[in-house]
Amino acid sequence: MIAIDRMTDAEFDSVAFDLLARELGADGLARFLRLYRSNQGDYTAEREEWQQGLSVDDIGESIRRQRDKTS
């Protein structure tokens, strides 16, 4: 694979879509595209909403669980 900093925007887009499709499935990819490619919504506000009440330890544990699933 080409290093990210050497990819064209089109190459990066393709790799990102492949990754999203693999990790989220077709339905998840379609939802992502609908939400974030349509320039609707406010990701920052939405992120703050779903992270409300989470501690740094909670977030760290979530990251560790994700890493464990992929290794």
C-alpha atoms as a PDB file:
ATOM      1  CA  MET A   1       0.000   0.000   0.000  1.00  0.00           C
ATOM      2  CA  ILE A   2       1.129   3.540  -0.715  1.00  0.00           C
ATOM      3  CA  ALA A   3       1.916   5.676   2.328  1.00  0.00           C
ATOM      4  CA  ILE A   4      -0.991   7.969   3.131  1.00  0.00           C
ATOM      5  CA  ASP A   5       1.067  11.112   2.615  1.00  0.00           C
ATOM      6  CA  ARG A   6       1.949   9.958  -0.923  1.00  0.00           C
ATOM      7  CA  MET A   7      -1.617   9.118  -2.007  1.00  0.00           C
ATOM      8  CA  THR A   8      -3.615  11.333  -4.279  1.00  0.00           C
ATOM      9  CA  ASP A   9      -6.995  12.425  -2.941  1.00  0.00           C
ATOM     10  CA  ALA A  10      -8.661   9.896  -5.250  1.00  0.00           C
ATOM     11  CA  GLU A  11      -6.434   7.062  -3.982  1.00  0.00           C
ATOM     12  CA  PHE A  12      -7.072   8.056  -0.365  1.00  0.00           C
ATOM     13  CA  ASP A  13     -10.826   8.218  -1.016  1.00  0.00           C
ATOM     14  CA  SER A  14     -10.763   4.720  -2.494  1.00  0.00           C
ATOM     15  CA  VAL A  15      -8.778   3.253   0.412  1.00  0.00           C
ATOM     16  CA  ALA A  16     -11.022   4.985   2.947  1.00  0.00           C
ATOM     17  CA  PHE A  17     -14.208   3.679   1.283  1.00  0.00           C
ATOM     18  CA  ASP A  18     -12.792   0.159   1.142  1.00  0.00           C
ATOM     19  CA  LEU A  19     -11.920   0.348   4.836  1.00  0.00           C
ATOM     20  CA  LEU A  20     -15.341   1.684   5.792  1.00  0.00           C
ATOM     21  CA  ALA A  21     -17.111  -0.958   3.712  1.00  0.00           C
ATOM     22  CA  ARG A  22     -15.039  -3.729   5.304  1.00  0.00           C
ATOM     23  CA  GLU A  23     -15.506  -2.469   8.861  1.00  0.00           C
ATOM     24  CA  LEU A  24     -19.083  -1.178   8.677  1.00  0.00           C
ATOM     25  CA  GLY A  25     -20.577  -3.342   5.945  1.00  0.00           C
ATOM     26  CA  ALA A  26     -22.563  -2.025   3.019  1.00  0.00           C
ATOM     27  CA  ASP A  27     -25.351  -0.608   5.186  1.00  0.00           C
ATOM     28  CA  GLY A  28     -22.890   1.184   7.460  1.00  0.00           C
ATOM     29  CA  LEU A  29     -21.014   2.654   4.515  1.00  0.00           C
ATOM     30  CA  ALA A  30     -24.276   3.860   2.962  1.00  0.00           C
ATOM     31  CA  ARG A  31     -25.276   5.470   6.258  1.00  0.00           C
ATOM     32  CA  PHE A  32     -21.887   7.160   6.578  1.00  0.00           C
ATOM     33  CA  LEU A  33     -22.128   8.553   3.071  1.00  0.00           C
ATOM     34  CA  ARG A  34     -25.662   9.766   3.652  1.00  0.00           C
ATOM     35  CA  LEU A  35     -24.736  11.518   6.892  1.00  0.00           C
ATOM     36  CA  TYR A  36     -21.308  12.927   6.146  1.00  0.00           C
ATOM     37  CA  ARG A  37     -21.138  13.395   2.402  1.00  0.00           C
ATOM     38  CA  SER A  38     -24.345  15.376   2.199  1.00  0.00           C
ATOM     39  CA  ASN A  39     -22.836  18.204   4.272  1.00  0.00           C
ATOM     40  CA  GLN A  40     -25.698  17.900   6.707  1.00  0.00           C
ATOM     41  CA  GLY A  41     -25.354  17.573  10.426  1.00  0.00           C
ATOM     42  CA  ASP A  42     -22.654  18.759  12.737  1.00  0.00           C
ATOM     43  CA  TYR A  43     -20.143  16.016  13.503  1.00  0.00           C
ATOM     44  CA  THR A  44     -18.593  17.974  16.372  1.00  0.00           C
ATOM     45  CA  ALA A  45     -21.929  18.526  18.098  1.00  0.00           C
ATOM     46  CA  GLU A  46     -22.963  14.910  17.473  1.00  0.00           C
ATOM     47  CA  ARG A  47     -19.652  13.620  18.846  1.00  0.00           C
ATOM     48  CA  GLU A  48     -20.018  15.743  21.964  1.00  0.00           C
ATOM     49  CA  GLU A  49     -23.529  14.368  22.439  1.00  0.00           C
ATOM     50  CA  TRP A  50     -22.553  10.678  22.259  1.00  0.00           C
ATOM     51  CA  GLN A  51     -19.419  11.237  24.342  1.00  0.00           C
ATOM     52  CA  GLN A  52     -21.249  13.143  27.053  1.00  0.00           C
ATOM     53  CA  GLY A  53     -20.606  11.535  30.406  1.00  0.00           C
ATOM     54  CA  LEU A  54     -17.626   9.474  29.189  1.00  0.00           C
ATOM     55  CA  SER A  55     -14.399   9.750  31.130  1.00  0.00           C
ATOM     56  CA  VAL A  56     -10.935   9.603  29.584  1.00  0.00           C
ATOM     57  CA  ASP A  57     -10.663   6.103  31.062  1.00  0.00           C
ATOM     58  CA  ASP A  58     -13.918   5.071  29.336  1.00  0.00           C
ATOM     59  CA  ILE A  59     -12.640   6.302  25.997  1.00  0.00           C
ATOM     60  CA  GLY A  60      -9.267   4.598  26.513  1.00  0.00           C
ATOM     61  CA  GLU A  61     -10.985   1.313  27.360  1.00  0.00           C
ATOM     62  CA  SER A  62     -13.129   1.593  24.240  1.00  0.00           C
ATOM     63  CA  ILE A  63      -9.997   2.084  22.125  1.00  0.00           C
ATOM     64  CA  ARG A  64      -8.330  -0.956  23.759  1.00  0.00           C
ATOM     65  CA  ARG A  65     -11.400  -3.122  23.052  1.00  0.00           C
ATOM     66  CA  GLN A  66     -11.377  -2.047  19.382  1.00  0.00           C
ATOM     67  CA  ARG A  67      -7.669  -2.825  19.087  1.00  0.00           C
ATOM     68  CA  ASP A  68      -8.176  -6.235  20.699  1.00  0.00           C
ATOM     69  CA  LYS A  69     -10.923  -7.056  18.181  1.00  0.00           C
ATOM     70  CA  THR A  70      -8.626  -6.286  15.250  1.00  0.00           C
ATOM     71  CA  SER A  71      -5.535  -8.131  16.479  1.00  0.00           C
END
